[in-house]
Amino acid sequence: MTPVETTLFLIKWIHGMAAVAWVGGNIFYFFVLTPLISKGEISGSLSRNIAKGFGILVRMCIGILVISGSIIMLEALTSPHVNSQYIATLLLKISFSIAMFYFVWRQGRRRTSRLSNYAQPERPESQGSAILELVSTPRIPIIILCLGIITFLLSDLLAIIFLSSAMTN
């Protein structure tokens, strides 16, 4: 392996590890922690600390994914084995990734808003909206998880398309 190939291999490995950490963390968070939190088996302060720690991990993963993904994309697009099917799949993967980033940003804003609302004294007219917000809260993590799983699928599909194109050329 040349130094360039080794560097690209490491970048792809780091990209994959960041994706696994984020999506795997979402699976754990959604299927293990969320039920425990909703049953009251995990305290509010511990729940907030877990969310804060996971939020830091997610932001690091997003940074790694954007930087490494850009490098991987540029390397792939300069290959003679790229065809229109690869580009269409890549654009779809990028779209799902951007949607994930948006939902993470939106969830972070909602969490910040909720935390600032907790510091405010309880007002009777806001009880209905607080209940509605709690009921609708799990939607964003589910959306992020589904987009992450689909993005993984698209990554594998890109590899298959690329290899298929390389073998026919």
N, C-alpha and C. Protein backbone atom coordinates (compact mmCIF):
# COMPACT_ATOMS: atom_id res chain seq x y z
N MET A 1 0.84 -1.20 0.00
CA MET A 1 0.00 0.00 0.00
C MET A 1 0.87 1.25 0.00
N THR A 2 0.49 2.18 -0.83
CA THR A 2 1.21 3.45 -0.87
C THR A 2 0.76 4.30 0.31
N PRO A 3 1.50 5.35 0.64
CA PRO A 3 1.08 6.23 1.74
C PRO A 3 -0.30 6.86 1.49
N VAL A 4 -0.61 7.18 0.24
CA VAL A 4 -1.92 7.76 -0.07
C VAL A 4 -3.03 6.73 0.17
N GLU A 5 -2.80 5.50 -0.27
CA GLU A 5 -3.78 4.44 -0.05
C GLU A 5 -3.98 4.16 1.43
N THR A 6 -2.90 4.17 2.19
CA THR A 6 -2.98 3.96 3.64
C THR A 6 -3.77 5.08 4.30
N THR A 7 -3.50 6.31 3.88
CA THR A 7 -4.23 7.45 4.43
C THR A 7 -5.71 7.36 4.11
N LEU A 8 -6.05 7.03 2.87
CA LEU A 8 -7.46 6.88 2.49
C LEU A 8 -8.13 5.75 3.25
N PHE A 9 -7.40 4.65 3.45
CA PHE A 9 -7.93 3.54 4.24
C PHE A 9 -8.25 3.99 5.66
N LEU A 10 -7.33 4.72 6.27
CA LEU A 10 -7.56 5.21 7.65
C LEU A 10 -8.72 6.21 7.71
N ILE A 11 -8.82 7.06 6.71
CA ILE A 11 -9.94 8.03 6.67
C ILE A 11 -11.27 7.29 6.55
N LYS A 12 -11.32 6.26 5.69
CA LYS A 12 -12.55 5.48 5.55
C LYS A 12 -12.87 4.73 6.84
N TRP A 13 -11.85 4.22 7.53
CA TRP A 13 -12.06 3.52 8.79
C TRP A 13 -12.59 4.48 9.85
N ILE A 14 -11.99 5.66 9.94
CA ILE A 14 -12.45 6.67 10.91
C ILE A 14 -13.89 7.08 10.59
N HIS A 15 -14.20 7.23 9.32
CA HIS A 15 -15.56 7.58 8.89
C HIS A 15 -16.54 6.50 9.34
N GLY A 16 -16.18 5.26 9.11
CA GLY A 16 -17.04 4.15 9.51
C GLY A 16 -17.20 4.07 11.02
N MET A 17 -16.13 4.29 11.76
CA MET A 17 -16.21 4.24 13.23
C MET A 17 -17.11 5.36 13.78
N ALA A 18 -17.02 6.55 13.19
CA ALA A 18 -17.87 7.65 13.62
C ALA A 18 -19.34 7.33 13.33
N ALA A 19 -19.61 6.73 12.18
CA ALA A 19 -20.99 6.36 11.83
C ALA A 19 -21.51 5.29 12.78
N VAL A 20 -20.68 4.29 13.08
CA VAL A 20 -21.08 3.23 14.00
C VAL A 20 -21.34 3.79 15.39
N ALA A 21 -20.47 4.68 15.85
CA ALA A 21 -20.65 5.27 17.18
C ALA A 21 -21.97 6.04 17.26
N TRP A 22 -22.26 6.82 16.23
CA TRP A 22 -23.48 7.62 16.24
C TRP A 22 -24.73 6.77 16.13
N VAL A 23 -24.79 5.93 15.11
CA VAL A 23 -25.99 5.11 14.90
C VAL A 23 -26.13 4.07 16.01
N GLY A 24 -25.03 3.45 16.40
CA GLY A 24 -25.08 2.49 17.50
C GLY A 24 -25.49 3.15 18.80
N GLY A 25 -24.99 4.34 19.04
CA GLY A 25 -25.40 5.10 20.22
C GLY A 25 -26.87 5.44 20.18
N ASN A 26 -27.38 5.77 19.00
CA ASN A 26 -28.82 6.04 18.86
C ASN A 26 -29.66 4.81 19.17
N ILE A 27 -29.21 3.66 18.70
CA ILE A 27 -29.93 2.41 18.98
C ILE A 27 -29.96 2.16 20.48
N PHE A 28 -28.81 2.28 21.13
CA PHE A 28 -28.74 2.09 22.59
C PHE A 28 -29.60 3.12 23.31
N TYR A 29 -29.48 4.37 22.90
CA TYR A 29 -30.22 5.45 23.55
C TYR A 29 -31.73 5.22 23.42
N PHE A 30 -32.16 4.84 22.21
CA PHE A 30 -33.59 4.70 21.96
C PHE A 30 -34.17 3.44 22.61
N PHE A 31 -33.49 2.31 22.47
CA PHE A 31 -34.06 1.05 22.94
C PHE A 31 -33.73 0.70 24.39
N VAL A 32 -32.67 1.28 24.96
CA VAL A 32 -32.30 0.96 26.33
C VAL A 32 -32.57 2.13 27.27
N LEU A 33 -31.99 3.28 26.98
CA LEU A 33 -32.10 4.41 27.91
C LEU A 33 -33.48 5.06 27.93
N THR A 34 -34.06 5.26 26.76
CA THR A 34 -35.36 5.94 26.72
C THR A 34 -36.42 5.22 27.54
N PRO A 35 -36.55 3.88 27.43
CA PRO A 35 -37.54 3.21 28.28
C PRO A 35 -37.24 3.35 29.78
N LEU A 36 -35.95 3.30 30.15
CA LEU A 36 -35.59 3.45 31.56
C LEU A 36 -35.90 4.86 32.07
N ILE A 37 -35.64 5.84 31.23
CA ILE A 37 -35.92 7.23 31.61
C ILE A 37 -37.42 7.44 31.74
N SER A 38 -38.19 6.92 30.77
CA SER A 38 -39.64 7.13 30.80
C SER A 38 -40.29 6.42 31.99
N LYS A 39 -39.70 5.32 32.47
CA LYS A 39 -40.23 4.61 33.64
C LYS A 39 -39.76 5.24 34.95
N GLY A 40 -38.88 6.23 34.86
CA GLY A 40 -38.38 6.89 36.05
C GLY A 40 -37.28 6.11 36.75
N GLU A 41 -36.70 5.12 36.08
CA GLU A 41 -35.64 4.32 36.68
C GLU A 41 -34.28 5.02 36.63
N ILE A 42 -34.20 6.07 35.83
CA ILE A 42 -33.00 6.89 35.77
C ILE A 42 -33.42 8.29 36.16
N SER A 43 -32.68 8.87 37.10
CA SER A 43 -33.04 10.19 37.63
C SER A 43 -32.90 11.28 36.57
N GLY A 44 -33.56 12.41 36.82
CA GLY A 44 -33.52 13.53 35.89
C GLY A 44 -32.12 14.06 35.67
N SER A 45 -31.33 14.19 36.75
CA SER A 45 -29.98 14.74 36.58
C SER A 45 -29.08 13.75 35.85
N LEU A 46 -29.21 12.46 36.14
CA LEU A 46 -28.43 11.46 35.41
C LEU A 46 -28.84 11.43 33.94
N SER A 47 -30.13 11.51 33.69
CA SER A 47 -30.65 11.54 32.33
C SER A 47 -30.09 12.73 31.56
N ARG A 48 -30.07 13.90 32.19
CA ARG A 48 -29.52 15.09 31.53
C ARG A 48 -28.02 14.94 31.25
N ASN A 49 -27.29 14.35 32.20
CA ASN A 49 -25.85 14.14 32.01
C ASN A 49 -25.57 13.15 30.88
N ILE A 50 -26.38 12.09 30.79
CA ILE A 50 -26.24 11.13 29.70
C ILE A 50 -26.51 11.83 28.37
N ALA A 51 -27.60 12.60 28.32
CA ALA A 51 -27.95 13.31 27.08
C ALA A 51 -26.84 14.29 26.69
N LYS A 52 -26.28 14.97 27.68
CA LYS A 52 -25.21 15.93 27.40
C LYS A 52 -23.97 15.21 26.85
N GLY A 53 -23.60 14.08 27.47
CA GLY A 53 -22.45 13.31 27.00
C GLY A 53 -22.67 12.75 25.61
N PHE A 54 -23.87 12.23 25.37
CA PHE A 54 -24.17 11.69 24.05
C PHE A 54 -24.19 12.81 23.02
N GLY A 55 -24.69 13.99 23.41
CA GLY A 55 -24.70 15.14 22.50
C GLY A 55 -23.29 15.53 22.08
N ILE A 56 -22.35 15.48 23.02
CA ILE A 56 -20.95 15.78 22.69
C ILE A 56 -20.41 14.75 21.70
N LEU A 57 -20.70 13.46 21.96
CA LEU A 57 -20.27 12.41 21.05
C LEU A 57 -20.85 12.62 19.66
N VAL A 58 -22.14 12.94 19.59
CA VAL A 58 -22.80 13.14 18.29
C VAL A 58 -22.17 14.30 17.54
N ARG A 59 -21.91 15.41 18.22
CA ARG A 59 -21.29 16.56 17.54
C ARG A 59 -19.89 16.22 17.03
N MET A 60 -19.13 15.45 17.82
CA MET A 60 -17.80 15.02 17.35
C MET A 60 -17.94 14.13 16.12
N CYS A 61 -18.89 13.20 16.17
CA CYS A 61 -19.11 12.29 15.04
C CYS A 61 -19.51 13.07 13.79
N ILE A 62 -20.38 14.06 13.95
CA ILE A 62 -20.80 14.87 12.80
C ILE A 62 -19.58 15.56 12.18
N GLY A 63 -18.74 16.14 12.99
CA GLY A 63 -17.53 16.79 12.47
C GLY A 63 -16.64 15.82 11.72
N ILE A 64 -16.41 14.65 12.33
CA ILE A 64 -15.59 13.63 11.69
C ILE A 64 -16.23 13.16 10.39
N LEU A 65 -17.56 12.93 10.41
CA LEU A 65 -18.25 12.44 9.22
C LEU A 65 -18.22 13.45 8.08
N VAL A 66 -18.37 14.72 8.39
CA VAL A 66 -18.35 15.74 7.34
C VAL A 66 -16.96 15.84 6.71
N ILE A 67 -15.94 15.89 7.55
CA ILE A 67 -14.57 16.03 7.02
C ILE A 67 -14.15 14.78 6.26
N SER A 68 -14.30 13.61 6.91
CA SER A 68 -13.87 12.37 6.25
C SER A 68 -14.76 12.04 5.06
N GLY A 69 -16.04 12.30 5.16
CA GLY A 69 -16.95 12.05 4.04
C GLY A 69 -16.63 12.90 2.83
N SER A 70 -16.23 14.15 3.07
CA SER A 70 -15.85 15.03 1.96
C SER A 70 -14.61 14.49 1.25
N ILE A 71 -13.64 14.02 2.02
CA ILE A 71 -12.42 13.47 1.42
C ILE A 71 -12.74 12.19 0.64
N ILE A 72 -13.55 11.31 1.23
CA ILE A 72 -13.92 10.06 0.56
C ILE A 72 -14.70 10.36 -0.73
N MET A 73 -15.60 11.32 -0.65
CA MET A 73 -16.40 11.69 -1.82
C MET A 73 -15.51 12.23 -2.94
N LEU A 74 -14.61 13.13 -2.62
CA LEU A 74 -13.72 13.69 -3.64
C LEU A 74 -12.85 12.61 -4.26
N GLU A 75 -12.37 11.68 -3.44
CA GLU A 75 -11.54 10.59 -3.95
C GLU A 75 -12.36 9.71 -4.88
N ALA A 76 -13.59 9.41 -4.51
CA ALA A 76 -14.44 8.54 -5.33
C ALA A 76 -14.83 9.22 -6.64
N LEU A 77 -15.16 10.50 -6.57
CA LEU A 77 -15.62 11.21 -7.77
C LEU A 77 -14.52 11.41 -8.80
N THR A 78 -13.27 11.30 -8.38
CA THR A 78 -12.17 11.42 -9.33
C THR A 78 -11.79 10.08 -9.96
N SER A 79 -12.47 9.03 -9.55
CA SER A 79 -12.19 7.70 -10.08
C SER A 79 -12.89 7.52 -11.44
N PRO A 80 -12.28 6.77 -12.33
CA PRO A 80 -12.94 6.49 -13.62
C PRO A 80 -14.09 5.49 -13.49
N HIS A 81 -14.26 4.89 -12.32
CA HIS A 81 -15.29 3.87 -12.11
C HIS A 81 -16.61 4.43 -11.61
N VAL A 82 -16.70 5.75 -11.53
CA VAL A 82 -17.94 6.38 -11.05
C VAL A 82 -18.90 6.53 -12.22
N ASN A 83 -20.14 6.10 -12.01
CA ASN A 83 -21.15 6.25 -13.05
C ASN A 83 -22.34 7.03 -12.49
N SER A 84 -23.34 7.22 -13.32
CA SER A 84 -24.49 8.02 -12.90
C SER A 84 -25.26 7.37 -11.75
N GLN A 85 -25.29 6.05 -11.71
CA GLN A 85 -25.96 5.34 -10.61
C GLN A 85 -25.24 5.62 -9.28
N TYR A 86 -23.91 5.64 -9.33
CA TYR A 86 -23.13 5.94 -8.13
C TYR A 86 -23.40 7.36 -7.67
N ILE A 87 -23.39 8.30 -8.59
CA ILE A 87 -23.61 9.71 -8.24
C ILE A 87 -25.02 9.91 -7.66
N ALA A 88 -26.02 9.29 -8.26
CA ALA A 88 -27.39 9.42 -7.75
C ALA A 88 -27.50 8.85 -6.33
N THR A 89 -26.88 7.70 -6.10
CA THR A 89 -26.90 7.09 -4.76
C THR A 89 -26.14 7.95 -3.77
N LEU A 90 -25.01 8.49 -4.20
CA LEU A 90 -24.22 9.38 -3.34
C LEU A 90 -25.03 10.62 -2.95
N LEU A 91 -25.71 11.21 -3.92
CA LEU A 91 -26.54 12.39 -3.62
C LEU A 91 -27.66 12.05 -2.64
N LEU A 92 -28.23 10.87 -2.77
CA LEU A 92 -29.26 10.43 -1.84
C LEU A 92 -28.67 10.25 -0.44
N LYS A 93 -27.49 9.65 -0.36
CA LYS A 93 -26.83 9.47 0.94
C LYS A 93 -26.50 10.83 1.58
N ILE A 94 -26.00 11.75 0.79
CA ILE A 94 -25.69 13.09 1.30
C ILE A 94 -26.97 13.76 1.80
N SER A 95 -28.06 13.60 1.06
CA SER A 95 -29.35 14.19 1.47
C SER A 95 -29.81 13.63 2.81
N PHE A 96 -29.72 12.31 2.97
CA PHE A 96 -30.11 11.70 4.25
C PHE A 96 -29.19 12.16 5.37
N SER A 97 -27.91 12.31 5.08
CA SER A 97 -26.96 12.77 6.10
C SER A 97 -27.28 14.20 6.53
N ILE A 98 -27.55 15.06 5.57
CA ILE A 98 -27.90 16.45 5.89
C ILE A 98 -29.19 16.48 6.71
N ALA A 99 -30.14 15.63 6.36
CA ALA A 99 -31.39 15.56 7.14
C ALA A 99 -31.08 15.13 8.58
N MET A 100 -30.19 14.16 8.75
CA MET A 100 -29.81 13.75 10.11
C MET A 100 -29.19 14.91 10.87
N PHE A 101 -28.28 15.63 10.23
CA PHE A 101 -27.64 16.76 10.89
C PHE A 101 -28.68 17.79 11.30
N TYR A 102 -29.65 18.05 10.42
CA TYR A 102 -30.72 19.00 10.72
C TYR A 102 -31.53 18.55 11.94
N PHE A 103 -31.90 17.28 11.97
CA PHE A 103 -32.72 16.80 13.09
C PHE A 103 -31.93 16.82 14.40
N VAL A 104 -30.64 16.56 14.35
CA VAL A 104 -29.81 16.67 15.56
C VAL A 104 -29.80 18.11 16.03
N TRP A 105 -29.61 19.04 15.10
CA TRP A 105 -29.62 20.46 15.45
C TRP A 105 -30.97 20.85 16.04
N ARG A 106 -32.05 20.39 15.41
CA ARG A 106 -33.40 20.72 15.88
C ARG A 106 -33.66 20.13 17.26
N GLN A 107 -33.23 18.89 17.46
CA GLN A 107 -33.42 18.25 18.77
C GLN A 107 -32.63 19.00 19.84
N GLY A 108 -31.42 19.43 19.51
CA GLY A 108 -30.62 20.21 20.46
C GLY A 108 -31.29 21.52 20.83
N ARG A 109 -31.90 22.17 19.86
CA ARG A 109 -32.62 23.42 20.13
C ARG A 109 -33.84 23.17 21.01
N ARG A 110 -34.56 22.07 20.74
CA ARG A 110 -35.74 21.75 21.54
C ARG A 110 -35.33 21.41 22.98
N ARG A 111 -34.21 20.67 23.13
CA ARG A 111 -33.75 20.29 24.46
C ARG A 111 -33.35 21.55 25.24
N THR A 112 -32.65 22.47 24.58
CA THR A 112 -32.26 23.72 25.23
C THR A 112 -33.49 24.51 25.63
N SER A 113 -34.48 24.54 24.75
CA SER A 113 -35.72 25.24 25.04
C SER A 113 -36.43 24.62 26.23
N ARG A 114 -36.48 23.28 26.27
CA ARG A 114 -37.15 22.60 27.39
C ARG A 114 -36.42 22.87 28.69
N LEU A 115 -35.07 22.84 28.67
CA LEU A 115 -34.32 23.09 29.89
C LEU A 115 -34.55 24.50 30.40
N SER A 116 -34.64 25.47 29.50
CA SER A 116 -34.91 26.83 29.95
C SER A 116 -36.34 26.96 30.46
N ASN A 117 -37.27 26.17 29.90
CA ASN A 117 -38.64 26.18 30.39
C ASN A 117 -38.74 25.57 31.78
N TYR A 118 -37.87 24.59 32.09
CA TYR A 118 -37.91 23.98 33.41
C TYR A 118 -37.49 24.97 34.49
N ALA A 119 -36.63 25.90 34.12
CA ALA A 119 -36.17 26.89 35.09
C ALA A 119 -37.27 27.91 35.39
N GLN A 120 -38.24 28.04 34.52
CA GLN A 120 -39.34 28.98 34.70
C GLN A 120 -40.37 28.39 35.65
N PRO A 121 -41.08 29.21 36.42
CA PRO A 121 -42.15 28.66 37.24
C PRO A 121 -43.25 28.09 36.35
N GLU A 122 -43.88 27.04 36.83
CA GLU A 122 -44.95 26.35 36.11
C GLU A 122 -46.15 27.27 35.96
N ARG A 123 -46.66 27.40 34.72
CA ARG A 123 -47.86 28.20 34.47
C ARG A 123 -48.98 27.28 34.01
N PRO A 124 -50.17 27.46 34.52
CA PRO A 124 -51.27 26.56 34.16
C PRO A 124 -51.53 26.50 32.67
N GLU A 125 -51.44 27.62 31.94
CA GLU A 125 -51.76 27.59 30.52
C GLU A 125 -50.72 26.85 29.70
N SER A 126 -49.54 26.63 30.23
CA SER A 126 -48.50 25.95 29.46
C SER A 126 -48.51 24.44 29.69
N GLN A 127 -49.35 23.94 30.60
CA GLN A 127 -49.35 22.51 30.88
C GLN A 127 -49.75 21.69 29.66
N GLY A 128 -50.74 22.09 28.93
CA GLY A 128 -51.16 21.36 27.74
C GLY A 128 -50.05 21.25 26.71
N SER A 129 -49.34 22.35 26.47
CA SER A 129 -48.28 22.31 25.47
C SER A 129 -47.09 21.51 25.97
N ALA A 130 -46.82 21.52 27.27
CA ALA A 130 -45.72 20.71 27.81
C ALA A 130 -46.02 19.23 27.64
N ILE A 131 -47.26 18.83 27.87
CA ILE A 131 -47.65 17.44 27.69
C ILE A 131 -47.55 17.07 26.21
N LEU A 132 -48.02 17.93 25.35
CA LEU A 132 -47.94 17.68 23.91
C LEU A 132 -46.49 17.55 23.47
N GLU A 133 -45.61 18.39 24.01
CA GLU A 133 -44.19 18.33 23.65
C GLU A 133 -43.57 17.02 24.11
N LEU A 134 -43.91 16.56 25.30
CA LEU A 134 -43.37 15.31 25.80
C LEU A 134 -43.83 14.12 24.95
N VAL A 135 -45.07 14.16 24.50
CA VAL A 135 -45.60 13.09 23.67
C VAL A 135 -44.90 13.06 22.32
N SER A 136 -44.59 14.22 21.76
CA SER A 136 -43.99 14.27 20.43
C SER A 136 -42.47 14.18 20.45
N THR A 137 -41.83 14.23 21.59
CA THR A 137 -40.38 14.24 21.67
C THR A 137 -39.71 13.04 21.03
N PRO A 138 -40.19 11.81 21.23
CA PRO A 138 -39.46 10.66 20.67
C PRO A 138 -39.41 10.62 19.14
N ARG A 139 -40.21 11.39 18.46
CA ARG A 139 -40.21 11.33 17.00
C ARG A 139 -38.85 11.67 16.40
N ILE A 140 -38.20 12.68 16.89
CA ILE A 140 -36.92 13.09 16.32
C ILE A 140 -35.86 12.00 16.48
N PRO A 141 -35.69 11.41 17.67
CA PRO A 141 -34.71 10.31 17.75
C PRO A 141 -35.04 9.14 16.83
N ILE A 142 -36.32 8.83 16.65
CA ILE A 142 -36.70 7.74 15.74
C ILE A 142 -36.32 8.11 14.31
N ILE A 143 -36.58 9.36 13.92
CA ILE A 143 -36.24 9.81 12.57
C ILE A 143 -34.73 9.74 12.36
N ILE A 144 -33.96 10.21 13.34
CA ILE A 144 -32.50 10.18 13.23
C ILE A 144 -32.01 8.74 13.11
N LEU A 145 -32.57 7.85 13.93
CA LEU A 145 -32.17 6.45 13.87
C LEU A 145 -32.49 5.84 12.50
N CYS A 146 -33.68 6.07 12.00
CA CYS A 146 -34.06 5.52 10.68
C CYS A 146 -33.18 6.08 9.58
N LEU A 147 -32.92 7.38 9.61
CA LEU A 147 -32.04 7.98 8.60
C LEU A 147 -30.63 7.39 8.69
N GLY A 148 -30.15 7.15 9.90
CA GLY A 148 -28.82 6.55 10.08
C GLY A 148 -28.74 5.16 9.51
N ILE A 149 -29.76 4.36 9.75
CA ILE A 149 -29.79 2.99 9.23
C ILE A 149 -29.85 3.01 7.70
N ILE A 150 -30.67 3.90 7.14
CA ILE A 150 -30.76 4.02 5.68
C ILE A 150 -29.43 4.51 5.10
N THR A 151 -28.76 5.41 5.80
CA THR A 151 -27.47 5.92 5.33
C THR A 151 -26.43 4.80 5.30
N PHE A 152 -26.45 3.93 6.32
CA PHE A 152 -25.57 2.76 6.31
C PHE A 152 -25.85 1.89 5.10
N LEU A 153 -27.12 1.64 4.83
CA LEU A 153 -27.52 0.85 3.68
C LEU A 153 -26.99 1.47 2.38
N LEU A 154 -27.14 2.79 2.27
CA LEU A 154 -26.68 3.48 1.07
C LEU A 154 -25.15 3.40 0.94
N SER A 155 -24.43 3.40 2.06
CA SER A 155 -22.97 3.26 2.01
C SER A 155 -22.58 1.92 1.41
N ASP A 156 -23.25 0.87 1.85
CA ASP A 156 -22.96 -0.45 1.29
C ASP A 156 -23.34 -0.51 -0.19
N LEU A 157 -24.47 0.11 -0.53
CA LEU A 157 -24.89 0.14 -1.93
C LEU A 157 -23.87 0.89 -2.79
N LEU A 158 -23.30 1.97 -2.27
CA LEU A 158 -22.26 2.70 -3.00
C LEU A 158 -21.05 1.81 -3.25
N ALA A 159 -20.65 1.05 -2.25
CA ALA A 159 -19.50 0.15 -2.42
C ALA A 159 -19.79 -0.90 -3.49
N ILE A 160 -21.01 -1.44 -3.50
CA ILE A 160 -21.38 -2.45 -4.49
C ILE A 160 -21.39 -1.84 -5.90
N ILE A 161 -21.98 -0.65 -6.01
CA ILE A 161 -22.03 0.01 -7.32
C ILE A 161 -20.62 0.31 -7.83
N PHE A 162 -19.77 0.80 -6.95
CA PHE A 162 -18.39 1.13 -7.32
C PHE A 162 -17.64 -0.13 -7.78
N LEU A 163 -17.72 -1.19 -6.99
CA LEU A 163 -17.02 -2.43 -7.35
C LEU A 163 -17.57 -3.03 -8.63
N SER A 164 -18.88 -2.99 -8.80
CA SER A 164 -19.50 -3.51 -10.02
C SER A 164 -19.01 -2.73 -11.25
N SER A 165 -18.94 -1.43 -11.11
CA SER A 165 -18.48 -0.58 -12.21
C SER A 165 -17.00 -0.83 -12.50
N ALA A 166 -16.21 -1.04 -11.45
CA ALA A 166 -14.79 -1.29 -11.63
C ALA A 166 -14.54 -2.62 -12.32
N MET A 167 -15.39 -3.62 -12.04
CA MET A 167 -15.19 -4.95 -12.64
C MET A 167 -15.64 -4.98 -14.10
N THR A 168 -16.60 -4.12 -14.46
CA THR A 168 -17.07 -4.11 -15.86
C THR A 168 -16.20 -3.23 -16.74
N ASN A 169 -15.42 -2.34 -16.17
CA ASN A 169 -14.56 -1.45 -16.98
C ASN A 169 -13.23 -2.05 -17.22
